[in-house]
Amino acid sequence: MTLRHKFGLPALALALALSLALAACGGRYRPVSDFPVTIGRPYTVRGVTYTPAAAPAYDALGLAGWYGNESGGRTANGEKFRVKAITGAHTTLPLPSYVEVTSLATGRTILVRVNDRGPFARGRIVDLSRGAAELLGIRAAGTAAVRVRRVDPPERDRARLRDGKAAAARPDATAADLAALRDRWRTDAR
């Protein structure tokens, strides 16, 4: 007995349509793209409510951590998490967003594509993929004081980050800028 005889033509047509739709979606992950940009609704994690916002002038000091054991998992915007890509997680910035992350210890600055939600650990303002943590030089320490500033990079840098590669090198913070950031960090920490 064939499937057509056992289930009927309408059921066979529905199964074929669903198979084609799943194949067209590329599976369970969304393709890596900068569109659509999603702000999202407020959400609660461990009793804390986060309200995503456009925040075009976002500029904050805090701690960065990193994550990398979730390779192959799904990010908050539906993409496949790539542990070696230069990506990050933020609780409220639109997905995706681009941020410059500067280490307050070294002044090193990198460009990161934010495509996930988090961190949900007290005091941390950004979580970096293992690739981003290595590029910034904070992987061994686990966490580090950083400046996170939302930016609008050129398309060539966006394309490199979408491909999982590092963007063009960013200028490190000057000694004067780094001293000012460290002073601001000490003042904010009180």
N, C-alpha and C. Protein backbone atom coordinates (compact mmCIF):
# COMPACT_ATOMS: atom_id res chain seq x y z
N MET A 1 0.85 -1.18 0.00
CA MET A 1 0.00 0.00 0.00
C MET A 1 0.90 1.25 0.00
N THR A 2 0.63 2.22 -0.86
CA THR A 2 1.42 3.44 -0.95
C THR A 2 0.91 4.47 0.06
N LEU A 3 1.71 5.50 0.30
CA LEU A 3 1.29 6.57 1.21
C LEU A 3 0.01 7.23 0.72
N ARG A 4 -0.09 7.35 -0.62
CA ARG A 4 -1.28 7.99 -1.19
C ARG A 4 -2.53 7.19 -0.85
N HIS A 5 -2.43 5.87 -0.92
CA HIS A 5 -3.59 5.04 -0.62
C HIS A 5 -3.87 4.99 0.88
N LYS A 6 -2.81 4.98 1.72
CA LYS A 6 -3.00 4.86 3.16
C LYS A 6 -3.52 6.14 3.79
N PHE A 7 -2.95 7.32 3.40
CA PHE A 7 -3.30 8.58 4.06
C PHE A 7 -4.13 9.51 3.18
N GLY A 8 -4.22 9.25 1.91
CA GLY A 8 -4.98 10.11 1.03
C GLY A 8 -4.11 11.21 0.44
N LEU A 9 -4.56 11.72 -0.67
CA LEU A 9 -3.81 12.75 -1.38
C LEU A 9 -3.65 14.04 -0.58
N PRO A 10 -4.68 14.54 0.12
CA PRO A 10 -4.49 15.79 0.89
C PRO A 10 -3.39 15.66 1.95
N ALA A 11 -3.32 14.55 2.66
CA ALA A 11 -2.29 14.38 3.69
C ALA A 11 -0.90 14.33 3.06
N LEU A 12 -0.79 13.67 1.91
CA LEU A 12 0.50 13.59 1.22
C LEU A 12 0.93 14.98 0.73
N ALA A 13 -0.01 15.76 0.23
CA ALA A 13 0.30 17.13 -0.23
C ALA A 13 0.73 18.00 0.95
N LEU A 14 0.07 17.86 2.10
CA LEU A 14 0.45 18.63 3.29
C LEU A 14 1.85 18.24 3.75
N ALA A 15 2.17 16.97 3.77
CA ALA A 15 3.50 16.52 4.17
C ALA A 15 4.57 17.07 3.23
N LEU A 16 4.29 17.06 1.93
CA LEU A 16 5.24 17.60 0.95
C LEU A 16 5.42 19.09 1.14
N ALA A 17 4.34 19.83 1.37
CA ALA A 17 4.42 21.28 1.58
C ALA A 17 5.22 21.60 2.83
N LEU A 18 5.01 20.86 3.92
CA LEU A 18 5.77 21.09 5.15
C LEU A 18 7.25 20.79 4.95
N SER A 19 7.57 19.75 4.23
CA SER A 19 8.97 19.41 3.96
C SER A 19 9.65 20.51 3.17
N LEU A 20 8.97 21.03 2.15
CA LEU A 20 9.53 22.11 1.35
C LEU A 20 9.70 23.38 2.17
N ALA A 21 8.74 23.67 3.04
CA ALA A 21 8.82 24.87 3.88
C ALA A 21 10.01 24.78 4.83
N LEU A 22 10.21 23.61 5.45
CA LEU A 22 11.35 23.43 6.35
C LEU A 22 12.67 23.53 5.60
N ALA A 23 12.73 22.98 4.43
CA ALA A 23 13.96 23.07 3.63
C ALA A 23 14.26 24.51 3.25
N ALA A 24 13.23 25.28 2.94
CA ALA A 24 13.43 26.68 2.56
C ALA A 24 13.90 27.51 3.75
N CYS A 25 13.49 27.13 4.96
CA CYS A 25 13.91 27.87 6.16
C CYS A 25 15.36 27.59 6.52
N GLY A 26 15.95 26.57 5.96
CA GLY A 26 17.33 26.25 6.30
C GLY A 26 17.45 25.57 7.64
N GLY A 27 16.38 24.96 8.13
CA GLY A 27 16.45 24.29 9.41
C GLY A 27 15.92 25.18 10.51
N ARG A 28 16.46 25.00 11.70
CA ARG A 28 15.92 25.70 12.85
C ARG A 28 16.61 27.02 13.15
N TYR A 29 17.64 27.37 12.42
CA TYR A 29 18.36 28.61 12.66
C TYR A 29 18.00 29.66 11.63
N ARG A 30 17.97 30.91 12.08
CA ARG A 30 17.77 32.04 11.18
C ARG A 30 19.10 32.34 10.50
N PRO A 31 19.11 32.70 9.23
CA PRO A 31 20.37 33.08 8.58
C PRO A 31 20.98 34.31 9.25
N VAL A 32 22.29 34.40 9.25
CA VAL A 32 22.98 35.55 9.84
C VAL A 32 22.72 36.76 8.94
N SER A 33 22.07 37.76 9.51
CA SER A 33 21.69 38.94 8.75
C SER A 33 21.54 40.12 9.71
N ASP A 34 21.68 41.31 9.19
CA ASP A 34 21.45 42.50 10.02
C ASP A 34 20.01 42.96 9.98
N PHE A 35 19.17 42.27 9.25
CA PHE A 35 17.77 42.66 9.14
C PHE A 35 16.89 41.45 9.32
N PRO A 36 15.78 41.57 10.01
CA PRO A 36 15.31 42.77 10.67
C PRO A 36 16.03 43.00 12.00
N VAL A 37 16.14 44.26 12.39
CA VAL A 37 16.65 44.60 13.71
C VAL A 37 15.47 44.50 14.67
N THR A 38 15.65 43.79 15.77
CA THR A 38 14.56 43.56 16.70
C THR A 38 14.90 44.17 18.06
N ILE A 39 13.98 44.95 18.58
CA ILE A 39 14.16 45.49 19.94
C ILE A 39 13.58 44.49 20.93
N GLY A 40 12.38 44.06 20.72
CA GLY A 40 11.77 43.05 21.58
C GLY A 40 11.00 43.65 22.75
N ARG A 41 10.20 42.79 23.37
CA ARG A 41 9.37 43.19 24.51
C ARG A 41 10.14 42.99 25.81
N PRO A 42 9.70 43.64 26.89
CA PRO A 42 10.32 43.39 28.20
C PRO A 42 10.23 41.90 28.55
N TYR A 43 11.24 41.42 29.26
CA TYR A 43 11.27 40.02 29.68
C TYR A 43 11.89 39.94 31.07
N THR A 44 11.63 38.86 31.78
CA THR A 44 12.10 38.69 33.15
C THR A 44 12.95 37.43 33.25
N VAL A 45 14.13 37.57 33.87
CA VAL A 45 15.02 36.45 34.14
C VAL A 45 15.43 36.53 35.60
N ARG A 46 15.21 35.46 36.35
CA ARG A 46 15.56 35.37 37.77
C ARG A 46 15.03 36.56 38.58
N GLY A 47 13.81 36.96 38.28
CA GLY A 47 13.16 38.03 39.02
C GLY A 47 13.52 39.44 38.60
N VAL A 48 14.39 39.60 37.61
CA VAL A 48 14.78 40.91 37.12
C VAL A 48 14.13 41.12 35.75
N THR A 49 13.46 42.27 35.58
CA THR A 49 12.83 42.59 34.31
C THR A 49 13.75 43.49 33.49
N TYR A 50 13.97 43.11 32.25
CA TYR A 50 14.80 43.86 31.31
C TYR A 50 13.89 44.42 30.22
N THR A 51 14.10 45.70 29.87
CA THR A 51 13.29 46.35 28.85
C THR A 51 14.19 46.76 27.69
N PRO A 52 14.19 45.99 26.61
CA PRO A 52 14.99 46.36 25.43
C PRO A 52 14.59 47.73 24.89
N ALA A 53 15.60 48.44 24.37
CA ALA A 53 15.37 49.79 23.84
C ALA A 53 16.33 50.06 22.70
N ALA A 54 16.01 51.05 21.87
CA ALA A 54 16.87 51.39 20.72
C ALA A 54 18.26 51.83 21.17
N ALA A 55 18.37 52.72 22.15
CA ALA A 55 19.62 53.14 22.78
C ALA A 55 20.76 53.44 21.80
N PRO A 56 20.56 54.35 20.84
CA PRO A 56 21.63 54.63 19.87
C PRO A 56 22.88 55.24 20.49
N ALA A 57 22.75 55.88 21.67
CA ALA A 57 23.91 56.51 22.31
C ALA A 57 24.43 55.68 23.49
N TYR A 58 24.13 54.39 23.52
CA TYR A 58 24.54 53.54 24.64
C TYR A 58 26.06 53.61 24.83
N ASP A 59 26.49 53.88 26.06
CA ASP A 59 27.90 53.98 26.42
C ASP A 59 27.98 53.68 27.91
N ALA A 60 28.52 52.53 28.28
CA ALA A 60 28.51 52.13 29.68
C ALA A 60 29.82 51.46 30.07
N LEU A 61 30.11 51.53 31.35
CA LEU A 61 31.25 50.82 31.94
C LEU A 61 30.71 49.71 32.82
N GLY A 62 31.41 48.60 32.82
CA GLY A 62 30.99 47.48 33.65
C GLY A 62 31.90 46.30 33.41
N LEU A 63 31.42 45.13 33.79
CA LEU A 63 32.21 43.92 33.61
C LEU A 63 31.76 43.15 32.38
N ALA A 64 32.74 42.59 31.70
CA ALA A 64 32.47 41.66 30.60
C ALA A 64 32.88 40.28 31.05
N GLY A 65 32.11 39.30 30.64
CA GLY A 65 32.47 37.90 30.83
C GLY A 65 32.44 37.25 29.46
N TRP A 66 32.61 35.95 29.43
CA TRP A 66 32.51 35.28 28.14
C TRP A 66 31.84 33.93 28.31
N TYR A 67 31.30 33.46 27.20
CA TYR A 67 30.64 32.17 27.18
C TYR A 67 31.04 31.44 25.90
N GLY A 68 31.09 30.13 25.95
CA GLY A 68 31.54 29.42 24.77
C GLY A 68 31.17 27.96 24.74
N ASN A 69 30.51 27.48 25.76
CA ASN A 69 30.16 26.05 25.80
C ASN A 69 28.84 25.76 25.09
N GLU A 70 28.17 26.79 24.61
CA GLU A 70 26.86 26.62 23.98
C GLU A 70 26.97 26.49 22.47
N SER A 71 28.13 26.19 21.94
CA SER A 71 28.34 26.14 20.50
C SER A 71 27.25 25.32 19.82
N GLY A 72 26.67 25.91 18.79
CA GLY A 72 25.60 25.24 18.06
C GLY A 72 24.23 25.56 18.60
N GLY A 73 24.15 26.18 19.78
CA GLY A 73 22.87 26.57 20.33
C GLY A 73 22.28 27.72 19.54
N ARG A 74 21.10 28.10 19.89
CA ARG A 74 20.39 29.16 19.18
C ARG A 74 20.50 30.46 19.97
N THR A 75 20.90 31.54 19.31
CA THR A 75 20.98 32.84 19.97
C THR A 75 19.58 33.45 20.09
N ALA A 76 19.47 34.52 20.83
CA ALA A 76 18.17 35.16 21.04
C ALA A 76 17.55 35.68 19.75
N ASN A 77 18.38 36.01 18.75
CA ASN A 77 17.78 36.46 17.48
C ASN A 77 17.63 35.32 16.48
N GLY A 78 17.84 34.09 16.93
CA GLY A 78 17.55 32.92 16.10
C GLY A 78 18.72 32.37 15.32
N GLU A 79 19.89 33.01 15.40
CA GLU A 79 21.05 32.52 14.67
C GLU A 79 21.72 31.38 15.43
N LYS A 80 22.54 30.63 14.74
CA LYS A 80 23.32 29.57 15.37
C LYS A 80 24.50 30.20 16.10
N PHE A 81 24.68 29.86 17.38
CA PHE A 81 25.80 30.40 18.14
C PHE A 81 27.10 29.78 17.63
N ARG A 82 28.03 30.65 17.27
CA ARG A 82 29.34 30.21 16.79
C ARG A 82 30.39 30.68 17.79
N VAL A 83 30.97 29.74 18.50
CA VAL A 83 31.87 30.04 19.61
C VAL A 83 33.09 30.86 19.19
N LYS A 84 33.57 30.69 17.97
CA LYS A 84 34.77 31.40 17.53
C LYS A 84 34.45 32.74 16.86
N ALA A 85 33.18 33.02 16.61
CA ALA A 85 32.79 34.29 15.99
C ALA A 85 32.98 35.42 17.00
N ILE A 86 32.99 36.64 16.52
CA ILE A 86 33.19 37.81 17.37
C ILE A 86 31.81 38.40 17.67
N THR A 87 31.13 37.75 18.62
CA THR A 87 29.76 38.13 18.96
C THR A 87 29.63 38.36 20.46
N GLY A 88 28.47 38.87 20.85
CA GLY A 88 28.23 39.12 22.25
C GLY A 88 26.76 39.08 22.60
N ALA A 89 26.52 39.16 23.90
CA ALA A 89 25.16 39.16 24.44
C ALA A 89 24.97 40.41 25.30
N HIS A 90 23.81 41.04 25.14
CA HIS A 90 23.47 42.22 25.94
C HIS A 90 22.01 42.10 26.33
N THR A 91 21.67 42.61 27.50
CA THR A 91 20.30 42.43 28.00
C THR A 91 19.26 43.28 27.29
N THR A 92 19.64 44.47 26.77
CA THR A 92 18.60 45.37 26.25
C THR A 92 18.85 45.98 24.88
N LEU A 93 20.05 45.89 24.33
CA LEU A 93 20.30 46.48 23.01
C LEU A 93 19.52 45.74 21.92
N PRO A 94 19.17 46.43 20.83
CA PRO A 94 18.50 45.75 19.72
C PRO A 94 19.37 44.61 19.18
N LEU A 95 18.71 43.62 18.61
CA LEU A 95 19.43 42.48 18.01
C LEU A 95 19.22 42.50 16.51
N PRO A 96 20.29 42.52 15.72
CA PRO A 96 21.68 42.69 16.14
C PRO A 96 22.02 44.16 16.34
N SER A 97 23.09 44.40 17.09
CA SER A 97 23.69 45.72 17.29
C SER A 97 25.20 45.54 17.17
N TYR A 98 25.87 46.65 17.00
CA TYR A 98 27.34 46.63 16.96
C TYR A 98 27.86 47.51 18.08
N VAL A 99 28.84 47.00 18.81
CA VAL A 99 29.42 47.75 19.92
C VAL A 99 30.93 47.66 19.86
N GLU A 100 31.57 48.74 20.32
CA GLU A 100 33.00 48.71 20.57
C GLU A 100 33.17 48.33 22.03
N VAL A 101 34.02 47.35 22.28
CA VAL A 101 34.31 46.93 23.64
C VAL A 101 35.78 47.23 23.90
N THR A 102 36.04 48.01 24.94
CA THR A 102 37.40 48.43 25.28
C THR A 102 37.76 47.88 26.64
N SER A 103 38.88 47.17 26.73
CA SER A 103 39.39 46.67 28.01
C SER A 103 39.97 47.84 28.79
N LEU A 104 39.52 48.02 30.04
CA LEU A 104 40.07 49.09 30.86
C LEU A 104 41.45 48.73 31.40
N ALA A 105 41.84 47.47 31.29
CA ALA A 105 43.17 47.06 31.73
C ALA A 105 44.23 47.38 30.68
N THR A 106 43.89 47.20 29.41
CA THR A 106 44.89 47.34 28.35
C THR A 106 44.61 48.44 27.34
N GLY A 107 43.37 48.91 27.28
CA GLY A 107 42.99 49.89 26.26
C GLY A 107 42.64 49.27 24.93
N ARG A 108 42.81 47.96 24.82
CA ARG A 108 42.49 47.28 23.57
C ARG A 108 41.01 47.42 23.26
N THR A 109 40.68 47.71 22.00
CA THR A 109 39.30 47.92 21.58
C THR A 109 38.99 47.01 20.40
N ILE A 110 37.84 46.33 20.48
CA ILE A 110 37.39 45.48 19.37
C ILE A 110 35.94 45.82 19.03
N LEU A 111 35.55 45.45 17.83
CA LEU A 111 34.17 45.60 17.38
C LEU A 111 33.48 44.26 17.54
N VAL A 112 32.28 44.26 18.14
CA VAL A 112 31.53 43.04 18.43
C VAL A 112 30.11 43.17 17.89
N ARG A 113 29.61 42.09 17.33
CA ARG A 113 28.22 42.03 16.87
C ARG A 113 27.37 41.39 17.97
N VAL A 114 26.41 42.13 18.51
CA VAL A 114 25.54 41.63 19.58
C VAL A 114 24.35 40.92 18.92
N ASN A 115 24.23 39.62 19.19
CA ASN A 115 23.14 38.84 18.60
C ASN A 115 22.42 37.96 19.62
N ASP A 116 22.68 38.20 20.91
CA ASP A 116 22.11 37.33 21.94
C ASP A 116 21.73 38.16 23.17
N ARG A 117 20.94 37.57 24.05
CA ARG A 117 20.55 38.20 25.31
C ARG A 117 21.42 37.66 26.44
N GLY A 118 21.67 38.52 27.40
CA GLY A 118 22.49 38.21 28.55
C GLY A 118 23.41 39.39 28.75
N PRO A 119 24.30 39.39 29.64
CA PRO A 119 24.50 38.38 30.69
C PRO A 119 23.48 38.59 31.81
N PHE A 120 23.22 37.54 32.52
CA PHE A 120 22.27 37.62 33.61
C PHE A 120 22.99 37.44 34.95
N ALA A 121 24.28 37.75 34.97
CA ALA A 121 25.08 37.71 36.19
C ALA A 121 25.22 39.14 36.71
N ARG A 122 25.11 39.30 38.00
CA ARG A 122 25.16 40.63 38.62
C ARG A 122 26.46 41.35 38.28
N GLY A 123 26.33 42.62 37.87
CA GLY A 123 27.48 43.46 37.61
C GLY A 123 28.04 43.37 36.20
N ARG A 124 27.61 42.39 35.43
CA ARG A 124 28.14 42.27 34.07
C ARG A 124 27.22 42.99 33.09
N ILE A 125 27.85 43.69 32.12
CA ILE A 125 27.05 44.42 31.14
C ILE A 125 27.10 43.78 29.76
N VAL A 126 28.06 42.89 29.54
CA VAL A 126 28.16 42.21 28.25
C VAL A 126 28.81 40.86 28.46
N ASP A 127 28.35 39.89 27.70
CA ASP A 127 29.03 38.60 27.61
C ASP A 127 29.56 38.49 26.20
N LEU A 128 30.77 38.00 26.08
CA LEU A 128 31.42 37.85 24.78
C LEU A 128 31.54 36.39 24.42
N SER A 129 31.50 36.09 23.14
CA SER A 129 31.80 34.73 22.69
C SER A 129 33.27 34.46 23.01
N ARG A 130 33.66 33.21 22.99
CA ARG A 130 35.06 32.87 23.26
C ARG A 130 35.98 33.57 22.26
N GLY A 131 35.57 33.63 20.99
CA GLY A 131 36.38 34.31 19.97
C GLY A 131 36.59 35.78 20.30
N ALA A 132 35.52 36.46 20.75
CA ALA A 132 35.64 37.88 21.11
C ALA A 132 36.49 38.05 22.37
N ALA A 133 36.32 37.17 23.35
CA ALA A 133 37.11 37.25 24.59
C ALA A 133 38.60 37.06 24.29
N GLU A 134 38.91 36.13 23.39
CA GLU A 134 40.31 35.93 23.02
C GLU A 134 40.86 37.16 22.30
N LEU A 135 40.08 37.73 21.39
CA LEU A 135 40.53 38.89 20.64
C LEU A 135 40.75 40.09 21.57
N LEU A 136 39.91 40.26 22.58
CA LEU A 136 40.05 41.36 23.52
C LEU A 136 41.14 41.07 24.55
N GLY A 137 41.51 39.80 24.71
CA GLY A 137 42.55 39.44 25.66
C GLY A 137 42.05 39.22 27.07
N ILE A 138 40.77 38.83 27.23
CA ILE A 138 40.23 38.63 28.57
C ILE A 138 39.84 37.18 28.86
N ARG A 139 40.08 36.28 27.93
CA ARG A 139 39.61 34.90 28.12
C ARG A 139 40.21 34.27 29.36
N ALA A 140 41.50 34.41 29.58
CA ALA A 140 42.15 33.77 30.72
C ALA A 140 41.62 34.30 32.04
N ALA A 141 41.35 35.60 32.11
CA ALA A 141 40.87 36.21 33.35
C ALA A 141 39.41 35.84 33.64
N GLY A 142 38.64 35.57 32.61
CA GLY A 142 37.22 35.23 32.79
C GLY A 142 36.30 36.43 32.74
N THR A 143 36.64 37.47 33.49
CA THR A 143 35.90 38.73 33.45
C THR A 143 36.90 39.87 33.45
N ALA A 144 36.44 41.03 32.98
CA ALA A 144 37.30 42.21 32.96
C ALA A 144 36.44 43.46 32.91
N ALA A 145 36.97 44.54 33.45
CA ALA A 145 36.30 45.84 33.37
C ALA A 145 36.41 46.34 31.93
N VAL A 146 35.29 46.81 31.38
CA VAL A 146 35.25 47.25 29.99
C VAL A 146 34.36 48.46 29.82
N ARG A 147 34.56 49.11 28.69
CA ARG A 147 33.63 50.13 28.20
C ARG A 147 32.91 49.50 27.01
N VAL A 148 31.59 49.62 26.97
CA VAL A 148 30.79 49.14 25.85
C VAL A 148 30.07 50.33 25.27
N ARG A 149 30.32 50.58 23.99
CA ARG A 149 29.74 51.75 23.32
C ARG A 149 29.12 51.31 22.00
N ARG A 150 27.84 51.64 21.82
CA ARG A 150 27.16 51.28 20.57
C ARG A 150 27.68 52.14 19.43
N VAL A 151 27.94 51.51 18.29
CA VAL A 151 28.50 52.21 17.12
C VAL A 151 27.79 51.76 15.86
N ASP A 152 28.03 52.49 14.79
CA ASP A 152 27.48 52.17 13.47
C ASP A 152 28.67 51.98 12.51
N PRO A 153 29.23 50.77 12.47
CA PRO A 153 30.45 50.54 11.68
C PRO A 153 30.18 50.47 10.19
N PRO A 154 31.23 50.59 9.39
CA PRO A 154 31.06 50.47 7.93
C PRO A 154 30.63 49.05 7.55
N GLU A 155 30.01 48.94 6.39
CA GLU A 155 29.49 47.65 5.91
C GLU A 155 30.57 46.58 5.83
N ARG A 156 31.80 46.93 5.44
CA ARG A 156 32.84 45.90 5.33
C ARG A 156 33.11 45.24 6.68
N ASP A 157 33.06 46.03 7.78
CA ASP A 157 33.25 45.45 9.12
C ASP A 157 32.04 44.61 9.52
N ARG A 158 30.85 45.08 9.20
CA ARG A 158 29.63 44.32 9.48
C ARG A 158 29.67 42.97 8.77
N ALA A 159 30.06 42.99 7.50
CA ALA A 159 30.11 41.76 6.71
C ALA A 159 31.11 40.77 7.31
N ARG A 160 32.27 41.23 7.73
CA ARG A 160 33.27 40.35 8.34
C ARG A 160 32.71 39.72 9.61
N LEU A 161 32.05 40.53 10.44
CA LEU A 161 31.48 40.00 11.67
C LEU A 161 30.35 39.02 11.39
N ARG A 162 29.51 39.31 10.40
CA ARG A 162 28.45 38.36 10.04
C ARG A 162 29.04 37.03 9.58
N ASP A 163 30.22 37.08 8.95
CA ASP A 163 30.90 35.85 8.52
C ASP A 163 31.65 35.16 9.65
N GLY A 164 31.62 35.73 10.85
CA GLY A 164 32.28 35.12 11.99
C GLY A 164 33.74 35.55 12.16
N LYS A 165 34.17 36.50 11.35
CA LYS A 165 35.57 36.96 11.39
C LYS A 165 35.67 38.28 12.14
N ALA A 166 36.88 38.61 12.56
CA ALA A 166 37.12 39.89 13.23
C ALA A 166 37.02 41.02 12.23
N ALA A 167 36.50 42.14 12.69
CA ALA A 167 36.47 43.36 11.88
C ALA A 167 37.87 43.95 11.81
N ALA A 168 38.03 44.96 11.00
CA ALA A 168 39.32 45.66 10.93
C ALA A 168 39.69 46.14 12.33
N ALA A 169 40.99 46.17 12.60
CA ALA A 169 41.48 46.59 13.92
C ALA A 169 40.97 47.99 14.26
N ARG A 170 40.57 48.17 15.48
CA ARG A 170 40.13 49.47 15.98
C ARG A 170 41.30 50.11 16.71
N PRO A 171 41.37 51.43 16.73
CA PRO A 171 42.44 52.06 17.50
C PRO A 171 42.24 51.79 18.99
N ASP A 172 43.31 51.49 19.68
CA ASP A 172 43.24 51.31 21.13
C ASP A 172 42.96 52.66 21.77
N ALA A 173 42.44 52.63 22.99
CA ALA A 173 42.20 53.87 23.72
C ALA A 173 43.53 54.55 24.00
N THR A 174 43.54 55.85 23.90
CA THR A 174 44.76 56.60 24.21
C THR A 174 45.00 56.52 25.72
N ALA A 175 46.21 56.83 26.14
CA ALA A 175 46.54 56.80 27.57
C ALA A 175 45.63 57.75 28.35
N ALA A 176 45.37 58.94 27.80
CA ALA A 176 44.51 59.92 28.47
C ALA A 176 43.06 59.41 28.56
N ASP A 177 42.55 58.85 27.46
CA ASP A 177 41.19 58.31 27.47
C ASP A 177 41.07 57.15 28.45
N LEU A 178 42.08 56.29 28.46
CA LEU A 178 42.06 55.13 29.35
C LEU A 178 42.09 55.58 30.81
N ALA A 179 42.89 56.58 31.13
CA ALA A 179 42.95 57.10 32.50
C ALA A 179 41.58 57.67 32.91
N ALA A 180 40.93 58.40 31.99
CA ALA A 180 39.61 58.96 32.28
C ALA A 180 38.58 57.85 32.48
N LEU A 181 38.63 56.80 31.66
CA LEU A 181 37.70 55.68 31.81
C LEU A 181 37.91 54.96 33.14
N ARG A 182 39.17 54.76 33.51
CA ARG A 182 39.47 54.11 34.79
C ARG A 182 38.97 54.94 35.97
N ASP A 183 39.15 56.27 35.90
CA ASP A 183 38.64 57.15 36.95
C ASP A 183 37.12 57.06 37.04
N ARG A 184 36.46 57.07 35.88
CA ARG A 184 35.00 56.96 35.84
C ARG A 184 34.55 55.61 36.41
N TRP A 185 35.28 54.54 36.08
CA TRP A 185 34.97 53.20 36.59
C TRP A 185 35.08 53.17 38.12
N ARG A 186 36.17 53.76 38.67
CA ARG A 186 36.35 53.78 40.13
C ARG A 186 35.24 54.59 40.80
N THR A 187 34.86 55.71 40.19
CA THR A 187 33.80 56.55 40.74
C THR A 187 32.46 55.82 40.68
N ASP A 188 32.16 55.19 39.56
CA ASP A 188 30.89 54.47 39.40
C ASP A 188 30.81 53.27 40.33
N ALA A 189 31.95 52.65 40.65
CA ALA A 189 31.97 51.44 41.48
C ALA A 189 31.67 51.73 42.94
N ARG A 190 31.79 53.00 43.34
CA ARG A 190 31.55 53.35 44.76
C ARG A 190 30.11 53.33 45.12
